[in-house]
């Protein structure tokens, strides 16, 4: 597989090799050793999630307190989504920027998102199914969101009328989250990543 860094530090795009014949398809969609080599430390797998969404559904932008944060390895096993990574780390050179990667059941691409980054997606098809591996279990007291339609972020969601959960509708803007001290700090995130590399 090819693992290449994205424009936001701490995010990678993974393109697996597909082996197909008239019987079907085989691919290695996750490799513990290759990911660890690329990001500098192993993924401490603690939880696996599966999400199914109708076309036009937008979920996010979600993040967790650092430490420990929650790194994610995300792929789309059915249909297609625009997966979005947002740099919400205060003090980062790319703070407030976002990058989108199409994940679908044709290319079988994945993304790895380090602790401290925001994550969301828009379902491009009905029954769009995301499978993701997480470095930490769900901890509601330490998980937060940014309003995904925040004009300051300016995310170009590919949906005429994005469908949001009530939780996401009520989430603060990026500026509100920053002013309230809710956002991760870039230096703390970098330090946490360094500690993982030393352990690895």
N, C-alpha and C. Protein backbone atom coordinates (compact mmCIF):
# COMPACT_ATOMS: atom_id res chain seq x y z
N UNK A 1 0.83 -1.19 0.00
CA UNK A 1 0.00 0.00 0.00
C UNK A 1 0.87 1.25 0.00
N UNK A 2 0.31 2.32 -0.51
CA UNK A 2 1.00 3.61 -0.51
C UNK A 2 0.41 4.48 0.61
N UNK A 3 1.28 5.01 1.45
CA UNK A 3 0.86 5.88 2.56
C UNK A 3 1.56 7.22 2.37
N UNK A 4 0.79 8.26 2.08
CA UNK A 4 1.39 9.57 1.80
C UNK A 4 0.79 10.62 2.74
N UNK A 5 1.61 11.55 3.22
CA UNK A 5 1.10 12.61 4.10
C UNK A 5 0.22 13.59 3.33
N UNK A 6 -0.80 14.10 4.00
CA UNK A 6 -1.66 15.14 3.43
C UNK A 6 -1.08 16.51 3.78
N UNK A 7 -1.77 17.56 3.36
CA UNK A 7 -1.26 18.92 3.57
C UNK A 7 -1.32 19.34 5.04
N UNK A 8 -2.14 18.66 5.83
CA UNK A 8 -2.24 18.93 7.27
C UNK A 8 -1.37 17.94 8.01
N UNK A 9 -0.43 18.45 8.79
CA UNK A 9 0.48 17.58 9.54
C UNK A 9 -0.33 16.68 10.48
N UNK A 10 -0.05 15.38 10.42
CA UNK A 10 -0.76 14.43 11.26
C UNK A 10 -1.84 13.67 10.53
N UNK A 11 -1.99 13.90 9.23
CA UNK A 11 -2.99 13.19 8.44
C UNK A 11 -2.33 12.53 7.23
N UNK A 12 -2.73 11.32 6.94
CA UNK A 12 -2.17 10.55 5.82
C UNK A 12 -3.29 9.93 4.99
N UNK A 13 -3.02 9.75 3.71
CA UNK A 13 -3.92 9.04 2.81
C UNK A 13 -3.29 7.69 2.47
N UNK A 14 -4.07 6.64 2.57
CA UNK A 14 -3.59 5.28 2.34
C UNK A 14 -4.30 4.70 1.12
N UNK A 15 -3.53 4.25 0.14
CA UNK A 15 -4.07 3.64 -1.06
C UNK A 15 -3.60 2.20 -1.13
N UNK A 16 -4.50 1.23 -0.91
CA UNK A 16 -4.08 -0.17 -0.92
C UNK A 16 -3.94 -0.72 -2.33
N UNK A 17 -3.19 -1.78 -2.45
CA UNK A 17 -3.11 -2.50 -3.71
C UNK A 17 -4.31 -3.43 -3.81
N UNK A 18 -5.02 -3.37 -4.95
CA UNK A 18 -6.21 -4.20 -5.15
C UNK A 18 -5.85 -5.39 -6.03
N UNK A 19 -6.22 -6.56 -5.59
CA UNK A 19 -5.95 -7.79 -6.35
C UNK A 19 -7.30 -8.39 -6.74
N UNK A 20 -7.66 -8.23 -8.01
CA UNK A 20 -8.97 -8.69 -8.46
C UNK A 20 -8.88 -9.66 -9.61
N UNK A 21 -9.89 -10.50 -9.72
CA UNK A 21 -10.05 -11.42 -10.84
C UNK A 21 -11.55 -11.69 -10.99
N UNK A 22 -11.97 -12.54 -11.92
CA UNK A 22 -13.40 -12.76 -12.10
C UNK A 22 -14.14 -13.23 -10.85
N UNK A 23 -13.41 -13.75 -9.87
CA UNK A 23 -14.07 -14.22 -8.64
C UNK A 23 -14.40 -13.08 -7.68
N UNK A 24 -13.64 -11.95 -7.79
CA UNK A 24 -13.86 -10.85 -6.85
C UNK A 24 -12.57 -10.09 -6.57
N UNK A 25 -12.40 -9.69 -5.31
CA UNK A 25 -11.33 -8.77 -4.95
C UNK A 25 -10.74 -9.13 -3.60
N UNK A 26 -9.42 -8.88 -3.48
CA UNK A 26 -8.75 -8.99 -2.18
C UNK A 26 -7.83 -7.79 -2.02
N UNK A 27 -7.80 -7.24 -0.81
CA UNK A 27 -6.85 -6.16 -0.51
C UNK A 27 -6.53 -6.15 0.97
N UNK A 28 -5.33 -5.68 1.30
CA UNK A 28 -4.97 -5.41 2.69
C UNK A 28 -5.31 -3.95 2.96
N UNK A 29 -6.41 -3.70 3.66
CA UNK A 29 -6.83 -2.31 3.86
C UNK A 29 -6.16 -1.68 5.08
N UNK A 30 -5.53 -2.50 5.92
CA UNK A 30 -4.80 -1.97 7.08
C UNK A 30 -3.59 -2.86 7.34
N UNK A 31 -2.44 -2.21 7.50
CA UNK A 31 -1.22 -2.92 7.86
C UNK A 31 -0.58 -2.21 9.04
N UNK A 32 -0.58 -2.87 10.19
CA UNK A 32 -0.04 -2.35 11.44
C UNK A 32 1.40 -1.85 11.26
N UNK A 33 2.24 -2.66 10.61
CA UNK A 33 3.65 -2.34 10.49
C UNK A 33 3.92 -1.18 9.53
N UNK A 34 3.22 -1.16 8.40
CA UNK A 34 3.45 -0.10 7.42
C UNK A 34 2.94 1.25 7.92
N UNK A 35 1.80 1.23 8.62
CA UNK A 35 1.30 2.49 9.20
C UNK A 35 2.26 3.01 10.26
N UNK A 36 2.75 2.12 11.12
CA UNK A 36 3.67 2.54 12.17
C UNK A 36 4.94 3.14 11.57
N UNK A 37 5.42 2.55 10.49
CA UNK A 37 6.62 3.08 9.83
C UNK A 37 6.37 4.48 9.28
N UNK A 38 5.17 4.70 8.72
CA UNK A 38 4.86 6.00 8.12
C UNK A 38 4.65 7.09 9.16
N UNK A 39 3.91 6.78 10.23
CA UNK A 39 3.55 7.83 11.19
C UNK A 39 4.53 7.92 12.36
N UNK A 40 5.40 6.91 12.49
CA UNK A 40 6.43 6.98 13.52
C UNK A 40 6.12 6.25 14.81
N UNK A 41 4.93 5.65 14.89
CA UNK A 41 4.56 4.87 16.08
C UNK A 41 3.39 3.97 15.73
N UNK A 42 3.21 2.87 16.45
CA UNK A 42 2.09 1.98 16.15
C UNK A 42 0.75 2.58 16.59
N UNK A 43 -0.31 2.18 15.91
CA UNK A 43 -1.67 2.55 16.31
C UNK A 43 -2.07 1.63 17.46
N UNK A 44 -2.34 2.22 18.61
CA UNK A 44 -2.79 1.46 19.78
C UNK A 44 -4.29 1.25 19.65
N UNK A 45 -4.66 0.15 19.01
CA UNK A 45 -6.07 -0.08 18.66
C UNK A 45 -6.90 -0.40 19.90
N UNK A 46 -7.91 0.44 20.16
CA UNK A 46 -8.76 0.25 21.34
C UNK A 46 -10.24 0.07 21.00
N UNK A 47 -10.66 0.52 19.81
CA UNK A 47 -12.09 0.43 19.49
C UNK A 47 -12.27 0.44 17.98
N UNK A 48 -13.27 -0.30 17.48
CA UNK A 48 -13.63 -0.28 16.08
C UNK A 48 -15.07 0.18 15.93
N UNK A 49 -15.31 1.13 15.02
CA UNK A 49 -16.65 1.69 14.82
C UNK A 49 -17.13 1.44 13.40
N UNK A 50 -18.45 1.40 13.24
CA UNK A 50 -19.06 1.30 11.93
C UNK A 50 -20.22 2.29 11.87
N UNK A 51 -20.26 3.09 10.80
CA UNK A 51 -21.28 4.13 10.65
C UNK A 51 -21.93 4.00 9.28
N UNK A 52 -23.27 4.02 9.26
CA UNK A 52 -24.02 3.95 8.00
C UNK A 52 -24.83 5.24 7.86
N UNK A 53 -24.72 5.89 6.70
CA UNK A 53 -25.38 7.20 6.51
C UNK A 53 -26.07 7.27 5.16
N UNK A 54 -27.18 8.01 5.12
CA UNK A 54 -27.88 8.28 3.86
C UNK A 54 -27.16 9.40 3.12
N UNK A 55 -27.38 9.46 1.82
CA UNK A 55 -26.75 10.51 1.00
C UNK A 55 -27.14 11.88 1.54
N UNK A 56 -26.15 12.77 1.65
CA UNK A 56 -26.40 14.12 2.14
C UNK A 56 -26.20 14.29 3.62
N UNK A 57 -25.99 13.20 4.35
CA UNK A 57 -25.73 13.30 5.78
C UNK A 57 -24.31 13.79 6.00
N UNK A 58 -24.17 14.78 6.88
CA UNK A 58 -22.85 15.29 7.29
C UNK A 58 -22.69 14.99 8.77
N UNK A 59 -21.58 14.36 9.11
CA UNK A 59 -21.26 14.05 10.51
C UNK A 59 -19.94 14.72 10.86
N UNK A 60 -19.89 15.38 12.00
CA UNK A 60 -18.67 16.07 12.42
C UNK A 60 -18.98 17.54 12.63
N UNK A 61 -17.96 18.29 12.90
CA UNK A 61 -16.54 17.94 13.00
C UNK A 61 -16.25 17.52 14.44
N UNK A 62 -15.76 16.29 14.65
CA UNK A 62 -15.58 15.75 15.98
C UNK A 62 -14.11 15.65 16.35
N UNK A 63 -13.84 15.77 17.65
CA UNK A 63 -12.47 15.64 18.16
C UNK A 63 -12.53 15.31 19.64
N UNK A 64 -11.39 14.87 20.18
CA UNK A 64 -11.30 14.51 21.59
C UNK A 64 -10.14 15.26 22.25
N UNK A 65 -10.27 15.46 23.57
CA UNK A 65 -9.21 16.13 24.33
C UNK A 65 -7.89 15.37 24.20
N UNK A 66 -6.80 16.14 24.13
CA UNK A 66 -5.44 15.57 24.07
C UNK A 66 -4.68 16.02 25.31
N UNK A 67 -4.06 15.10 26.07
CA UNK A 67 -4.13 13.66 25.89
C UNK A 67 -5.43 13.07 26.43
N UNK A 68 -5.81 11.83 26.03
CA UNK A 68 -5.08 11.02 25.06
C UNK A 68 -5.54 11.26 23.61
N UNK A 69 -6.62 12.02 23.41
CA UNK A 69 -7.13 12.19 22.06
C UNK A 69 -7.65 10.88 21.51
N UNK A 70 -7.93 10.89 20.21
CA UNK A 70 -8.39 9.65 19.56
C UNK A 70 -7.95 9.69 18.10
N UNK A 71 -6.91 8.94 17.79
CA UNK A 71 -6.49 8.79 16.41
C UNK A 71 -7.48 7.85 15.71
N UNK A 72 -7.66 8.06 14.39
CA UNK A 72 -8.61 7.25 13.64
C UNK A 72 -8.01 6.79 12.32
N UNK A 73 -8.33 5.56 11.96
CA UNK A 73 -7.96 4.98 10.66
C UNK A 73 -9.28 4.64 9.99
N UNK A 74 -9.63 5.36 8.93
CA UNK A 74 -10.99 5.35 8.39
C UNK A 74 -11.01 4.85 6.95
N UNK A 75 -11.95 3.96 6.63
CA UNK A 75 -12.16 3.53 5.25
C UNK A 75 -13.65 3.39 4.99
N UNK A 76 -14.03 3.42 3.73
CA UNK A 76 -15.43 3.30 3.34
C UNK A 76 -15.63 1.92 2.70
N UNK A 77 -16.43 1.08 3.33
CA UNK A 77 -16.61 -0.28 2.85
C UNK A 77 -17.83 -0.45 1.94
N UNK A 78 -18.68 0.58 1.88
CA UNK A 78 -19.82 0.55 0.96
C UNK A 78 -20.18 1.97 0.57
N UNK A 79 -20.39 2.20 -0.73
CA UNK A 79 -20.76 3.52 -1.20
C UNK A 79 -19.57 4.46 -1.23
N UNK A 80 -19.83 5.74 -0.94
CA UNK A 80 -18.77 6.75 -1.04
C UNK A 80 -19.05 7.90 -0.08
N UNK A 81 -17.96 8.50 0.43
CA UNK A 81 -18.06 9.68 1.29
C UNK A 81 -16.95 10.66 0.91
N UNK A 82 -17.16 11.92 1.23
CA UNK A 82 -16.07 12.88 1.27
C UNK A 82 -15.64 12.95 2.72
N UNK A 83 -14.44 12.45 3.01
CA UNK A 83 -13.92 12.48 4.36
C UNK A 83 -13.13 13.77 4.54
N UNK A 84 -13.34 14.46 5.66
CA UNK A 84 -12.77 15.78 5.87
C UNK A 84 -11.95 15.82 7.16
N UNK A 85 -10.72 16.28 7.03
CA UNK A 85 -9.83 16.48 8.18
C UNK A 85 -9.66 17.99 8.37
N UNK A 86 -9.83 18.46 9.60
CA UNK A 86 -9.72 19.89 9.92
C UNK A 86 -8.65 20.09 10.98
N UNK A 87 -7.77 21.03 10.74
CA UNK A 87 -6.75 21.36 11.74
C UNK A 87 -7.34 22.35 12.73
N UNK A 88 -7.66 21.85 13.92
CA UNK A 88 -8.26 22.68 14.96
C UNK A 88 -7.27 22.91 16.11
N UNK A 89 -5.99 22.61 15.87
CA UNK A 89 -4.97 22.73 16.92
C UNK A 89 -4.47 24.17 16.99
N UNK A 90 -4.78 24.83 18.09
CA UNK A 90 -4.40 26.23 18.27
C UNK A 90 -2.88 26.36 18.23
N UNK A 91 -2.38 27.24 17.36
CA UNK A 91 -0.96 27.44 17.21
C UNK A 91 -0.36 26.68 16.04
N UNK A 92 -1.13 25.83 15.40
CA UNK A 92 -0.63 25.08 14.24
C UNK A 92 -0.47 26.00 13.04
N UNK A 93 0.54 25.74 12.20
CA UNK A 93 0.71 26.55 10.98
C UNK A 93 -0.48 26.45 10.03
N UNK A 94 -1.25 25.37 10.12
CA UNK A 94 -2.40 25.21 9.23
C UNK A 94 -3.72 25.27 10.00
N UNK A 95 -3.71 25.97 11.13
CA UNK A 95 -4.94 26.08 11.95
C UNK A 95 -6.10 26.62 11.10
N UNK A 96 -7.25 25.96 11.21
CA UNK A 96 -8.45 26.38 10.51
C UNK A 96 -8.56 25.85 9.09
N UNK A 97 -7.52 25.19 8.59
CA UNK A 97 -7.57 24.65 7.24
C UNK A 97 -8.16 23.24 7.25
N UNK A 98 -8.69 22.85 6.09
CA UNK A 98 -9.27 21.51 5.97
C UNK A 98 -8.83 20.86 4.67
N UNK A 99 -8.91 19.56 4.65
CA UNK A 99 -8.62 18.80 3.43
C UNK A 99 -9.61 17.65 3.33
N UNK A 100 -10.11 17.45 2.12
CA UNK A 100 -11.06 16.37 1.88
C UNK A 100 -10.45 15.27 1.04
N UNK A 101 -10.82 14.02 1.36
CA UNK A 101 -10.38 12.85 0.61
C UNK A 101 -11.61 12.00 0.32
N UNK A 102 -11.81 11.65 -0.94
CA UNK A 102 -12.91 10.75 -1.28
C UNK A 102 -12.54 9.32 -0.89
N UNK A 103 -13.39 8.72 -0.08
CA UNK A 103 -13.26 7.32 0.28
C UNK A 103 -14.44 6.57 -0.32
N UNK A 104 -14.17 5.45 -0.98
CA UNK A 104 -15.27 4.71 -1.60
C UNK A 104 -14.95 3.23 -1.72
N UNK A 105 -15.93 2.47 -2.18
CA UNK A 105 -15.78 1.02 -2.28
C UNK A 105 -15.17 0.59 -3.61
N UNK A 106 -14.59 1.54 -4.34
CA UNK A 106 -13.89 1.22 -5.58
C UNK A 106 -12.37 1.29 -5.37
N UNK A 107 -11.88 2.43 -4.89
CA UNK A 107 -10.44 2.58 -4.65
C UNK A 107 -10.02 1.93 -3.34
N UNK A 108 -10.97 1.84 -2.38
CA UNK A 108 -10.70 1.27 -1.05
C UNK A 108 -9.67 2.09 -0.28
N UNK A 109 -9.56 3.38 -0.58
CA UNK A 109 -8.62 4.24 0.14
C UNK A 109 -9.02 4.37 1.61
N UNK A 110 -8.06 4.79 2.42
CA UNK A 110 -8.29 5.06 3.84
C UNK A 110 -7.55 6.34 4.20
N UNK A 111 -7.89 6.90 5.35
CA UNK A 111 -7.14 8.02 5.91
C UNK A 111 -6.78 7.70 7.35
N UNK A 112 -5.62 8.19 7.77
CA UNK A 112 -5.22 8.13 9.16
C UNK A 112 -5.19 9.55 9.70
N UNK A 113 -5.84 9.77 10.84
CA UNK A 113 -6.00 11.10 11.41
C UNK A 113 -5.45 11.05 12.84
N UNK A 114 -4.40 11.82 13.10
CA UNK A 114 -3.74 11.80 14.40
C UNK A 114 -4.59 12.49 15.47
N UNK A 115 -4.20 12.24 16.71
CA UNK A 115 -4.85 12.87 17.85
C UNK A 115 -4.79 14.39 17.74
N UNK A 116 -5.90 15.05 18.04
CA UNK A 116 -5.94 16.51 18.03
C UNK A 116 -6.54 17.12 16.78
N UNK A 117 -6.70 16.33 15.73
CA UNK A 117 -7.32 16.84 14.50
C UNK A 117 -8.83 16.62 14.54
N UNK A 118 -9.56 17.50 13.85
CA UNK A 118 -11.00 17.35 13.72
C UNK A 118 -11.33 16.45 12.54
N UNK A 119 -12.43 15.72 12.66
CA UNK A 119 -12.81 14.77 11.61
C UNK A 119 -14.32 14.84 11.35
N UNK A 120 -14.67 14.79 10.07
CA UNK A 120 -16.06 14.72 9.67
C UNK A 120 -16.16 14.12 8.29
N UNK A 121 -17.39 13.90 7.83
CA UNK A 121 -17.57 13.38 6.48
C UNK A 121 -18.96 13.69 5.98
N UNK A 122 -19.12 13.62 4.66
CA UNK A 122 -20.42 13.77 4.02
C UNK A 122 -20.66 12.53 3.17
N UNK A 123 -21.80 11.89 3.37
CA UNK A 123 -22.16 10.70 2.60
C UNK A 123 -22.56 11.12 1.18
N UNK A 124 -21.91 10.52 0.20
CA UNK A 124 -22.20 10.81 -1.21
C UNK A 124 -23.21 9.86 -1.79
N UNK A 125 -23.45 8.74 -1.11
CA UNK A 125 -24.40 7.73 -1.57
C UNK A 125 -25.25 7.28 -0.39
N UNK A 126 -26.40 6.68 -0.68
CA UNK A 126 -27.18 6.05 0.39
C UNK A 126 -26.42 4.83 0.91
N UNK A 127 -26.63 4.55 2.19
CA UNK A 127 -25.98 3.42 2.85
C UNK A 127 -24.46 3.51 2.81
N UNK A 128 -23.94 4.72 2.77
CA UNK A 128 -22.49 4.89 2.82
C UNK A 128 -22.00 4.37 4.18
N UNK A 129 -21.09 3.43 4.14
CA UNK A 129 -20.66 2.72 5.35
C UNK A 129 -19.19 2.97 5.62
N UNK A 130 -18.92 3.61 6.76
CA UNK A 130 -17.55 3.86 7.20
C UNK A 130 -17.17 2.87 8.29
N UNK A 131 -15.97 2.33 8.17
CA UNK A 131 -15.40 1.49 9.22
C UNK A 131 -14.14 2.19 9.69
N UNK A 132 -14.04 2.39 11.00
CA UNK A 132 -12.83 3.04 11.48
C UNK A 132 -12.31 2.47 12.79
N UNK A 133 -10.98 2.41 12.84
CA UNK A 133 -10.25 1.93 13.99
C UNK A 133 -9.82 3.12 14.82
N UNK A 134 -9.92 3.01 16.14
CA UNK A 134 -9.65 4.15 17.02
C UNK A 134 -8.61 3.78 18.07
N UNK A 135 -7.80 4.78 18.45
CA UNK A 135 -6.75 4.58 19.43
C UNK A 135 -7.25 4.69 20.87
N UNK A 136 -8.49 5.10 21.06
CA UNK A 136 -9.05 5.24 22.40
C UNK A 136 -10.54 4.92 22.35
N UNK A 137 -11.08 4.44 23.45
CA UNK A 137 -12.50 4.16 23.51
C UNK A 137 -13.29 5.47 23.66
N UNK A 138 -14.57 5.39 23.36
CA UNK A 138 -15.44 6.56 23.45
C UNK A 138 -15.52 7.06 24.88
N UNK A 139 -15.28 8.36 25.05
CA UNK A 139 -15.31 8.98 26.37
C UNK A 139 -16.12 10.27 26.26
N UNK A 140 -17.43 10.20 26.52
CA UNK A 140 -18.31 11.35 26.24
C UNK A 140 -17.91 12.64 26.93
N UNK A 141 -17.28 12.57 28.07
CA UNK A 141 -16.89 13.78 28.77
C UNK A 141 -15.71 14.50 28.15
N UNK A 142 -15.03 13.83 27.22
CA UNK A 142 -13.82 14.41 26.63
C UNK A 142 -13.92 14.49 25.10
N UNK A 143 -15.14 14.34 24.57
CA UNK A 143 -15.34 14.40 23.12
C UNK A 143 -16.19 15.61 22.79
N UNK A 144 -15.82 16.31 21.70
CA UNK A 144 -16.43 17.59 21.37
C UNK A 144 -16.70 17.69 19.87
N UNK A 145 -17.33 18.79 19.49
CA UNK A 145 -17.61 19.02 18.09
C UNK A 145 -17.51 20.49 17.72
N UNK A 146 -17.29 20.73 16.43
CA UNK A 146 -17.32 22.06 15.83
C UNK A 146 -18.46 22.05 14.81
N UNK A 147 -19.21 23.13 14.74
CA UNK A 147 -20.32 23.22 13.80
C UNK A 147 -19.79 23.02 12.38
N UNK A 148 -20.23 21.97 11.68
CA UNK A 148 -19.61 21.65 10.38
C UNK A 148 -19.90 22.66 9.27
N UNK A 149 -20.95 23.48 9.43
CA UNK A 149 -21.27 24.47 8.40
C UNK A 149 -20.73 25.85 8.75
N UNK A 150 -19.83 25.91 9.72
CA UNK A 150 -19.21 27.18 10.13
C UNK A 150 -18.60 27.88 8.92
N UNK A 151 -19.02 29.12 8.68
CA UNK A 151 -18.54 29.86 7.51
C UNK A 151 -17.04 30.10 7.57
N UNK A 152 -16.49 30.22 8.78
CA UNK A 152 -15.05 30.45 8.90
C UNK A 152 -14.26 29.25 8.38
N UNK A 153 -14.77 28.06 8.61
CA UNK A 153 -14.10 26.87 8.07
C UNK A 153 -14.27 26.80 6.56
N UNK A 154 -15.45 27.13 6.07
CA UNK A 154 -15.69 27.17 4.64
C UNK A 154 -15.56 25.82 3.96
N UNK A 155 -15.99 24.76 4.63
CA UNK A 155 -15.90 23.42 4.03
C UNK A 155 -16.91 23.30 2.90
N UNK A 156 -16.46 22.85 1.77
CA UNK A 156 -17.31 22.71 0.58
C UNK A 156 -17.97 21.33 0.62
N UNK A 157 -19.01 21.23 1.46
CA UNK A 157 -19.71 19.95 1.59
C UNK A 157 -20.50 19.66 0.31
N UNK A 158 -20.37 18.47 -0.27
CA UNK A 158 -21.07 18.14 -1.51
C UNK A 158 -22.50 17.68 -1.26
N UNK A 159 -23.30 18.56 -0.66
CA UNK A 159 -24.71 18.25 -0.38
C UNK A 159 -25.51 19.54 -0.47
N UNK A 160 -26.63 19.52 -1.19
CA UNK A 160 -27.45 20.72 -1.33
C UNK A 160 -28.04 21.13 0.00
N UNK A 161 -28.55 20.16 0.75
CA UNK A 161 -29.11 20.43 2.08
C UNK A 161 -28.52 19.42 3.06
N UNK A 162 -27.36 19.73 3.64
CA UNK A 162 -26.72 18.78 4.56
C UNK A 162 -27.64 18.41 5.72
N UNK A 163 -27.70 17.13 6.02
CA UNK A 163 -28.49 16.63 7.15
C UNK A 163 -27.55 16.45 8.34
N UNK A 164 -27.86 17.16 9.43
CA UNK A 164 -27.02 17.15 10.62
C UNK A 164 -27.77 16.60 11.82
N UNK A 165 -27.03 16.01 12.75
CA UNK A 165 -27.61 15.62 14.02
C UNK A 165 -27.83 16.87 14.87
N UNK A 166 -28.69 16.76 15.87
CA UNK A 166 -28.91 17.88 16.77
C UNK A 166 -27.64 18.25 17.52
N UNK A 167 -26.84 17.24 17.83
CA UNK A 167 -25.56 17.50 18.51
C UNK A 167 -24.68 18.38 17.63
N UNK A 168 -24.59 18.07 16.35
CA UNK A 168 -23.72 18.85 15.47
C UNK A 168 -24.28 20.24 15.20
N UNK A 169 -25.60 20.36 15.11
CA UNK A 169 -26.22 21.67 14.91
C UNK A 169 -25.90 22.60 16.08
N UNK A 170 -25.87 22.05 17.28
CA UNK A 170 -25.65 22.85 18.48
C UNK A 170 -24.16 23.06 18.81
N UNK A 171 -23.27 22.47 18.03
CA UNK A 171 -21.84 22.60 18.30
C UNK A 171 -21.38 24.04 18.06
N UNK A 172 -20.37 24.48 18.77
CA UNK A 172 -19.88 25.86 18.61
C UNK A 172 -19.12 26.03 17.29
N UNK A 173 -18.99 27.29 16.88
CA UNK A 173 -18.14 27.60 15.74
C UNK A 173 -16.68 27.40 16.14
N UNK A 174 -15.79 27.45 15.17
CA UNK A 174 -14.36 27.32 15.47
C UNK A 174 -13.91 28.45 16.40
N UNK A 175 -14.35 29.68 16.13
CA UNK A 175 -13.95 30.82 16.96
C UNK A 175 -14.48 30.68 18.38
N UNK A 176 -15.73 30.26 18.51
CA UNK A 176 -16.33 30.08 19.84
C UNK A 176 -15.58 29.00 20.62
N UNK A 177 -15.25 27.90 19.94
CA UNK A 177 -14.53 26.82 20.61
C UNK A 177 -13.14 27.28 21.04
N UNK A 178 -12.49 28.07 20.20
CA UNK A 178 -11.16 28.59 20.54
C UNK A 178 -11.24 29.54 21.73
N UNK A 179 -12.20 30.45 21.70
CA UNK A 179 -12.34 31.44 22.78
C UNK A 179 -12.66 30.79 24.12
N UNK A 180 -13.35 29.65 24.08
CA UNK A 180 -13.73 28.97 25.33
C UNK A 180 -12.65 28.03 25.84
N UNK A 181 -11.55 27.89 25.09
CA UNK A 181 -10.47 27.00 25.51
C UNK A 181 -10.74 25.54 25.24
N UNK A 182 -11.68 25.26 24.35
CA UNK A 182 -12.08 23.87 24.09
C UNK A 182 -11.11 23.14 23.15
N UNK A 183 -10.41 23.88 22.32
CA UNK A 183 -9.61 23.26 21.27
C UNK A 183 -8.26 22.75 21.77
N UNK A 184 -7.74 21.70 21.12
CA UNK A 184 -6.39 21.22 21.46
C UNK A 184 -5.34 22.26 21.11
N UNK A 185 -4.23 22.21 21.82
CA UNK A 185 -3.10 23.10 21.56
C UNK A 185 -2.06 22.34 20.75
N UNK A 186 -1.57 22.97 19.69
CA UNK A 186 -0.65 22.32 18.76
C UNK A 186 0.57 21.75 19.48
N UNK A 187 1.19 22.54 20.34
CA UNK A 187 2.39 22.08 21.03
C UNK A 187 2.13 20.84 21.87
N UNK A 188 0.97 20.79 22.54
CA UNK A 188 0.63 19.63 23.36
C UNK A 188 0.41 18.40 22.49
N UNK A 189 -0.20 18.60 21.32
CA UNK A 189 -0.43 17.48 20.40
C UNK A 189 0.88 16.93 19.86
N UNK A 190 1.79 17.84 19.49
CA UNK A 190 3.11 17.41 19.00
C UNK A 190 3.86 16.66 20.09
N UNK A 191 3.80 17.18 21.31
CA UNK A 191 4.45 16.51 22.42
C UNK A 191 3.88 15.14 22.68
N UNK A 192 2.57 15.02 22.57
CA UNK A 192 1.93 13.72 22.79
C UNK A 192 2.37 12.72 21.71
N UNK A 193 2.42 13.18 20.46
CA UNK A 193 2.87 12.31 19.37
C UNK A 193 4.31 11.87 19.60
N UNK A 194 5.16 12.78 20.06
CA UNK A 194 6.54 12.42 20.35
C UNK A 194 6.64 11.36 21.43
N UNK A 195 5.77 11.46 22.44
CA UNK A 195 5.79 10.47 23.51
C UNK A 195 5.39 9.09 22.99
N UNK A 196 4.46 9.06 22.02
CA UNK A 196 4.06 7.78 21.42
C UNK A 196 5.22 7.18 20.62
N UNK A 197 5.97 8.03 19.93
CA UNK A 197 7.11 7.54 19.15
C UNK A 197 8.21 6.99 20.06
N UNK A 198 8.39 7.61 21.22
CA UNK A 198 9.40 7.11 22.15
C UNK A 198 8.98 5.77 22.74
N UNK A 199 7.67 5.60 22.97
CA UNK A 199 7.17 4.32 23.49
C UNK A 199 7.28 3.23 22.44
N UNK A 200 7.01 3.63 21.16
CA UNK A 200 7.03 2.66 20.07
C UNK A 200 8.42 2.17 19.76
